[in-house]
Amino acid sequence: MTVERIGPPLIAGEREMLRAHLDYHRATLAMKCDGLSDEDLRRRSMPPSALSLLGLVRHMAEVERAWFRRTIDGEDIPLVWSDEGDYQVAYDTSAATGPEAFDAWQTEIGHSRRIEEAAESLDVTGHQPRWGEDVSLRMVMLHLIHEYARHNGHADFLREGIDGTVGA
C-alpha cells in the first residue's frame, strides 16, 4: 500500500484544521505500518506488553467507532472485536491479520468522515456513556487527534524495533 500523507494547512478555518490534523495522524499510523508483513505487524514491544502495530490499528478502529458512531451518531452497535465493550481485545493479535485490521479501520474512518461531514457544526453533541456526559463533535475530533498523536509515538518506537525505520 502506498500511503499519501498531506500536511495540515497553516491557515484554515477551525473545522478544516481539525479535519486535516486528524487525517494527517491517520495517515501517519498507516505509514508506520506500510510494507510490513503480518508477522512484523504482530511483533510486540516487550513482554509483558501486548502493544504491537497491528494492535494499534485495531485499537484505533475501536476508537473511531466508539467516538463517532456510538457517541456522536448514537448508533447502538458493539465494538468491532468485543460484544462486551472490552477495548483490550483489540490488542490480542494472535489470530489477526493486517488486511482484516486495515479493512475494519478504514471502514470506521469512512463512517467517521461521513458523520463529521453531515454534522451541521462542531457544536453537535452526542452522549458518551462511559463518562455519563454529552460531548461536542469538536471535543471528539480533538480527542482523536490526541489519541492518534500519542499512539503514533508508540508506533514510531515499534517500527524502529522492527526494521530501524524512524521519524516522519
C-alpha atoms as a PDB file:
ATOM      1  CA  MET A   1       0.000   0.000   0.000  1.00  0.00           C
ATOM      2  CA  THR A   2       1.216   3.465  -0.767  1.00  0.00           C
ATOM      3  CA  VAL A   3       0.284   5.979   1.879  1.00  0.00           C
ATOM      4  CA  GLU A   4      -0.300   9.601   0.960  1.00  0.00           C
ATOM      5  CA  ARG A   5       0.120  11.927   3.914  1.00  0.00           C
ATOM      6  CA  ILE A   6      -0.741  15.572   3.360  1.00  0.00           C
ATOM      7  CA  GLY A   7       0.461  18.087   5.905  1.00  0.00           C
ATOM      8  CA  PRO A   8      -2.275  20.153   7.542  1.00  0.00           C
ATOM      9  CA  PRO A   9      -2.740  23.738   6.343  1.00  0.00           C
ATOM     10  CA  LEU A  10      -1.042  26.509   8.267  1.00  0.00           C
ATOM     11  CA  ILE A  11      -4.033  28.801   7.916  1.00  0.00           C
ATOM     12  CA  ALA A  12      -7.606  27.485   7.773  1.00  0.00           C
ATOM     13  CA  GLY A  13     -10.949  27.584   9.495  1.00  0.00           C
ATOM     14  CA  GLU A  14     -11.426  25.550  12.655  1.00  0.00           C
ATOM     15  CA  ARG A  15     -13.264  22.632  11.087  1.00  0.00           C
ATOM     16  CA  GLU A  16     -10.887  22.338   8.135  1.00  0.00           C
ATOM     17  CA  MET A  17      -7.923  22.490  10.526  1.00  0.00           C
ATOM     18  CA  LEU A  18      -9.317  19.767  12.810  1.00  0.00           C
ATOM     19  CA  ARG A  19     -10.211  17.553   9.854  1.00  0.00           C
ATOM     20  CA  ALA A  20      -6.759  17.984   8.281  1.00  0.00           C
ATOM     21  CA  HIS A  21      -4.891  17.237  11.524  1.00  0.00           C
ATOM     22  CA  LEU A  22      -6.992  14.136  12.141  1.00  0.00           C
ATOM     23  CA  ASP A  23      -6.383  12.875   8.598  1.00  0.00           C
ATOM     24  CA  TYR A  24      -2.658  13.629   8.954  1.00  0.00           C
ATOM     25  CA  HIS A  25      -2.443  11.475  12.064  1.00  0.00           C
ATOM     26  CA  ARG A  26      -4.493   8.685  10.474  1.00  0.00           C
ATOM     27  CA  ALA A  27      -2.053   8.683   7.548  1.00  0.00           C
ATOM     28  CA  THR A  28       0.910   8.691   9.932  1.00  0.00           C
ATOM     29  CA  LEU A  29      -0.255   5.458  11.574  1.00  0.00           C
ATOM     30  CA  ALA A  30      -0.734   3.895   8.132  1.00  0.00           C
ATOM     31  CA  MET A  31       2.812   4.988   7.156  1.00  0.00           C
ATOM     32  CA  LYS A  32       4.259   3.360  10.276  1.00  0.00           C
ATOM     33  CA  CYS A  33       2.719   0.060   9.154  1.00  0.00           C
ATOM     34  CA  ASP A  34       3.448   0.355   5.440  1.00  0.00           C
ATOM     35  CA  GLY A  35       5.355  -2.517   3.844  1.00  0.00           C
ATOM     36  CA  LEU A  36       5.340  -4.821   6.873  1.00  0.00           C
ATOM     37  CA  SER A  37       4.261  -8.450   6.998  1.00  0.00           C
ATOM     38  CA  ASP A  38       1.564  -9.707   9.354  1.00  0.00           C
ATOM     39  CA  GLU A  39       4.331 -11.186  11.498  1.00  0.00           C
ATOM     40  CA  ASP A  40       6.066  -7.795  11.737  1.00  0.00           C
ATOM     41  CA  LEU A  41       2.767  -6.041  12.469  1.00  0.00           C
ATOM     42  CA  ARG A  42       2.094  -8.510  15.315  1.00  0.00           C
ATOM     43  CA  ARG A  43       5.536  -8.044  16.895  1.00  0.00           C
ATOM     44  CA  ARG A  44       5.114  -6.913  20.487  1.00  0.00           C
ATOM     45  CA  SER A  45       7.053  -4.070  22.029  1.00  0.00           C
ATOM     46  CA  MET A  46       8.390  -6.019  25.023  1.00  0.00           C
ATOM     47  CA  PRO A  47       6.998  -8.523  27.477  1.00  0.00           C
ATOM     48  CA  PRO A  48       4.582  -8.363  29.173  1.00  0.00           C
ATOM     49  CA  SER A  49       3.107  -5.627  26.949  1.00  0.00           C
ATOM     50  CA  ALA A  50       0.717  -6.699  24.189  1.00  0.00           C
ATOM     51  CA  LEU A  51       1.417  -3.467  22.258  1.00  0.00           C
ATOM     52  CA  SER A  52       2.006  -4.016  18.539  1.00  0.00           C
ATOM     53  CA  LEU A  53       1.397  -2.056  15.358  1.00  0.00           C
ATOM     54  CA  LEU A  54      -1.453  -4.377  14.427  1.00  0.00           C
ATOM     55  CA  GLY A  55      -2.932  -3.918  17.897  1.00  0.00           C
ATOM     56  CA  LEU A  56      -2.736  -0.143  17.489  1.00  0.00           C
ATOM     57  CA  VAL A  57      -4.583  -0.280  14.159  1.00  0.00           C
ATOM     58  CA  ARG A  58      -7.277  -2.483  15.713  1.00  0.00           C
ATOM     59  CA  HIS A  59      -7.487  -0.191  18.752  1.00  0.00           C
ATOM     60  CA  MET A  60      -7.920   2.890  16.571  1.00  0.00           C
ATOM     61  CA  ALA A  61     -10.725   1.163  14.652  1.00  0.00           C
ATOM     62  CA  GLU A  62     -12.465   0.736  18.026  1.00  0.00           C
ATOM     63  CA  VAL A  63     -11.765   4.364  18.974  1.00  0.00           C
ATOM     64  CA  GLU A  64     -13.151   5.694  15.675  1.00  0.00           C
ATOM     65  CA  ARG A  65     -16.282   3.553  16.084  1.00  0.00           C
ATOM     66  CA  ALA A  66     -16.836   4.420  19.738  1.00  0.00           C
ATOM     67  CA  TRP A  67     -16.480   8.170  19.372  1.00  0.00           C
ATOM     68  CA  PHE A  68     -18.085   8.855  16.009  1.00  0.00           C
ATOM     69  CA  ARG A  69     -20.674   6.107  15.505  1.00  0.00           C
ATOM     70  CA  ARG A  70     -21.635   5.293  19.078  1.00  0.00           C
ATOM     71  CA  THR A  71     -21.187   8.700  20.739  1.00  0.00           C
ATOM     72  CA  ILE A  72     -21.906  11.341  18.089  1.00  0.00           C
ATOM     73  CA  ASP A  73     -24.251   9.332  15.833  1.00  0.00           C
ATOM     74  CA  GLY A  74     -25.889   7.421  18.711  1.00  0.00           C
ATOM     75  CA  GLU A  75     -25.660   4.044  16.976  1.00  0.00           C
ATOM     76  CA  ASP A  76     -26.391   1.077  19.258  1.00  0.00           C
ATOM     77  CA  ILE A  77     -23.615  -1.189  17.986  1.00  0.00           C
ATOM     78  CA  PRO A  78     -20.926  -3.255  19.717  1.00  0.00           C
ATOM     79  CA  LEU A  79     -17.231  -2.613  19.369  1.00  0.00           C
ATOM     80  CA  VAL A  80     -15.582  -4.149  16.316  1.00  0.00           C
ATOM     81  CA  TRP A  81     -13.906  -7.024  18.202  1.00  0.00           C
ATOM     82  CA  SER A  82     -15.791  -7.190  21.501  1.00  0.00           C
ATOM     83  CA  ASP A  83     -19.509  -7.508  22.106  1.00  0.00           C
ATOM     84  CA  GLU A  84     -18.801  -6.881  25.798  1.00  0.00           C
ATOM     85  CA  GLY A  85     -17.145  -3.489  25.225  1.00  0.00           C
ATOM     86  CA  ASP A  86     -13.650  -4.673  26.172  1.00  0.00           C
ATOM     87  CA  TYR A  87     -11.210  -2.391  24.338  1.00  0.00           C
ATOM     88  CA  GLN A  88      -8.268  -4.625  25.305  1.00  0.00           C
ATOM     89  CA  VAL A  89      -9.470  -7.375  22.933  1.00  0.00           C
ATOM     90  CA  ALA A  90      -8.150  -5.254  20.043  1.00  0.00           C
ATOM     91  CA  TYR A  91      -4.603  -5.774  21.308  1.00  0.00           C
ATOM     92  CA  ASP A  92      -4.877  -9.567  21.050  1.00  0.00           C
ATOM     93  CA  THR A  93      -3.480 -10.021  17.564  1.00  0.00           C
ATOM     94  CA  SER A  94      -2.626 -13.734  17.788  1.00  0.00           C
ATOM     95  CA  ALA A  95      -5.186 -14.616  15.098  1.00  0.00           C
ATOM     96  CA  ALA A  96      -5.446 -11.168  13.478  1.00  0.00           C
ATOM     97  CA  THR A  97      -4.266 -10.276  10.003  1.00  0.00           C
ATOM     98  CA  GLY A  98      -3.175  -6.988   8.516  1.00  0.00           C
ATOM     99  CA  PRO A  99      -5.833  -6.968   5.788  1.00  0.00           C
ATOM    100  CA  GLU A 100      -8.628  -7.688   8.293  1.00  0.00           C
ATOM    101  CA  ALA A 101      -7.460  -4.961  10.682  1.00  0.00           C
ATOM    102  CA  PHE A 102      -6.818  -2.342   7.991  1.00  0.00           C
ATOM    103  CA  ASP A 103     -10.194  -3.052   6.322  1.00  0.00           C
ATOM    104  CA  ALA A 104     -12.008  -2.599   9.638  1.00  0.00           C
ATOM    105  CA  TRP A 105     -10.029   0.556  10.451  1.00  0.00           C
ATOM    106  CA  GLN A 106     -10.652   2.104   7.024  1.00  0.00           C
ATOM    107  CA  THR A 107     -14.350   1.218   7.255  1.00  0.00           C
ATOM    108  CA  GLU A 108     -14.605   3.008  10.601  1.00  0.00           C
ATOM    109  CA  ILE A 109     -12.676   6.025   9.265  1.00  0.00           C
ATOM    110  CA  GLY A 110     -15.179   6.175   6.391  1.00  0.00           C
ATOM    111  CA  HIS A 111     -18.080   6.215   8.852  1.00  0.00           C
ATOM    112  CA  SER A 112     -16.314   8.856  10.958  1.00  0.00           C
ATOM    113  CA  ARG A 113     -15.804  11.118   7.951  1.00  0.00           C
ATOM    114  CA  ARG A 114     -19.425  10.691   6.876  1.00  0.00           C
ATOM    115  CA  ILE A 115     -20.695  11.579  10.357  1.00  0.00           C
ATOM    116  CA  GLU A 116     -18.388  14.589  10.681  1.00  0.00           C
ATOM    117  CA  GLU A 117     -19.271  15.913   7.220  1.00  0.00           C
ATOM    118  CA  ALA A 118     -23.018  15.507   7.847  1.00  0.00           C
ATOM    119  CA  ALA A 119     -22.889  17.402  11.153  1.00  0.00           C
ATOM    120  CA  GLU A 120     -24.099  20.971  10.754  1.00  0.00           C
ATOM    121  CA  SER A 121     -21.435  22.281  13.114  1.00  0.00           C
ATOM    122  CA  LEU A 122     -18.714  21.311  15.558  1.00  0.00           C
ATOM    123  CA  ASP A 123     -21.212  22.089  18.329  1.00  0.00           C
ATOM    124  CA  VAL A 124     -23.281  18.975  17.522  1.00  0.00           C
ATOM    125  CA  THR A 125     -23.336  16.790  20.626  1.00  0.00           C
ATOM    126  CA  GLY A 126     -23.650  13.129  21.443  1.00  0.00           C
ATOM    127  CA  HIS A 127     -23.720  11.184  24.669  1.00  0.00           C
ATOM    128  CA  GLN A 128     -20.554   9.496  25.914  1.00  0.00           C
ATOM    129  CA  PRO A 129     -21.921   6.661  28.100  1.00  0.00           C
ATOM    130  CA  ARG A 130     -18.616   5.772  29.786  1.00  0.00           C
ATOM    131  CA  TRP A 131     -18.403   9.345  31.100  1.00  0.00           C
ATOM    132  CA  GLY A 132     -22.142   9.819  31.513  1.00  0.00           C
ATOM    133  CA  GLU A 133     -21.784  13.198  29.772  1.00  0.00           C
ATOM    134  CA  ASP A 134     -22.654  14.853  26.497  1.00  0.00           C
ATOM    135  CA  VAL A 135     -19.718  15.857  24.324  1.00  0.00           C
ATOM    136  CA  SER A 136     -19.360  18.018  21.217  1.00  0.00           C
ATOM    137  CA  LEU A 137     -18.079  16.919  17.841  1.00  0.00           C
ATOM    138  CA  ARG A 138     -15.279  19.466  18.376  1.00  0.00           C
ATOM    139  CA  MET A 139     -14.175  17.622  21.546  1.00  0.00           C
ATOM    140  CA  VAL A 140     -14.380  14.257  19.773  1.00  0.00           C
ATOM    141  CA  MET A 141     -12.161  15.450  16.929  1.00  0.00           C
ATOM    142  CA  LEU A 142      -9.648  16.949  19.369  1.00  0.00           C
ATOM    143  CA  HIS A 143      -9.691  13.746  21.422  1.00  0.00           C
ATOM    144  CA  LEU A 144      -8.995  11.620  18.352  1.00  0.00           C
ATOM    145  CA  ILE A 145      -6.130  13.885  17.272  1.00  0.00           C
ATOM    146  CA  HIS A 146      -4.665  13.458  20.761  1.00  0.00           C
ATOM    147  CA  GLU A 147      -5.249   9.674  20.720  1.00  0.00           C
ATOM    148  CA  TYR A 148      -3.599   9.251  17.312  1.00  0.00           C
ATOM    149  CA  ALA A 149      -0.661  11.511  18.203  1.00  0.00           C
ATOM    150  CA  ARG A 150       0.026   9.538  21.376  1.00  0.00           C
ATOM    151  CA  HIS A 151      -0.229   6.170  19.640  1.00  0.00           C
ATOM    152  CA  ASN A 152       1.819   7.362  16.656  1.00  0.00           C
ATOM    153  CA  GLY A 153       4.664   7.917  19.118  1.00  0.00           C
ATOM    154  CA  HIS A 154       4.260   4.285  20.184  1.00  0.00           C
ATOM    155  CA  ALA A 155       4.115   3.266  16.522  1.00  0.00           C
ATOM    156  CA  ASP A 156       7.384   5.072  15.827  1.00  0.00           C
ATOM    157  CA  PHE A 157       9.182   3.062  18.516  1.00  0.00           C
ATOM    158  CA  LEU A 158       7.573  -0.188  17.377  1.00  0.00           C
ATOM    159  CA  ARG A 159       8.569   0.395  13.752  1.00  0.00           C
ATOM    160  CA  GLU A 160      12.143   1.260  14.757  1.00  0.00           C
ATOM    161  CA  GLY A 161      12.333  -2.041  16.642  1.00  0.00           C
ATOM    162  CA  ILE A 162      11.177  -3.969  13.580  1.00  0.00           C
ATOM    163  CA  ASP A 163      13.407  -2.574  10.829  1.00  0.00           C
ATOM    164  CA  GLY A 164      15.121   0.587  12.078  1.00  0.00           C
ATOM    165  CA  THR A 165      12.776   2.988  10.278  1.00  0.00           C
ATOM    166  CA  VAL A 166      12.315   6.178  12.323  1.00  0.00           C
ATOM    167  CA  GLY A 167      10.794   9.625  12.059  1.00  0.00           C
ATOM    168  CA  ALA A 168       8.197  11.237   9.838  1.00  0.00           C
END
